[in-house]
Every structure is written in C-alpha cells, then in structure tokens.
Amino acid sequence: MFSAPGPEDAALSDEQGYARWLSARQGDWESLCRHCGACCGALEDPCQHLFMTPEGRSCCLVYPARIGPHRTVAGKLFTCVHVRQKLGTSWPGDEHCGYKKGAAL
C-alpha cells in the first residue's frame, strides 16, 4: 500500500512536503497507474494525446509536457493537471483508477 505524507513532511509547505514525499516514492506512485485512460477522458471525449496500445493500455503521447492547456478529440479545450489534483473528485471510470485505490480515497 502506498503511504501518505507523514509528520516528517508537516514542517514544509504543502507543495514542498508533497514534492519531497513524491520524489522519495516516485516509482511506487507511478506503478499504481493501471493505464485505463479514464482520468484522460477515455470513456467520454478523450484528450487528443491519449493513445491506446494494441494491448488496451493507455498512454499520453506528450506525458513530460502534459500539464497545461490541451484539446480533446472533439476539440474541447481543457487544462490537464496532475492526477493528485483530481483524486478528491469523480469522473467516468474513476472506479478503475489505481491512484484512487492506492491512496485509499
């Protein structure tokens, strides 16, 4: 199970504490992703950069530069954010989200 930031991170600002926590656990965090594509709109109007592999795994074609404004396949403008900013919300297919399950939300 993936652990949340602990008391050792409390002295830092929220952003700094999160960055330190995530940096130390980056591989564990990334491994939670099931590549379902739901957080990128795969079940509705997906991001134009969402690619589905022949095995059915989704991936972002611009992952390193994903944060910021983008368009869906239908042309709707949206702002891509880090998945942690979405975890407290709901979206179609979020029941498959490994991040939500791993963070026990």
Foldseek 3Di string as FASTA:
>chain_A
DQDDQDPVLVVDDPVVSVVVSCVVCVVVLVVLFPQQQQLQPPVHFGFPQWDADPVGGIDGNPVVPQAAWGATPVGDIDGDDPVVVCLVDDTPPCVVGSNNVVHVD
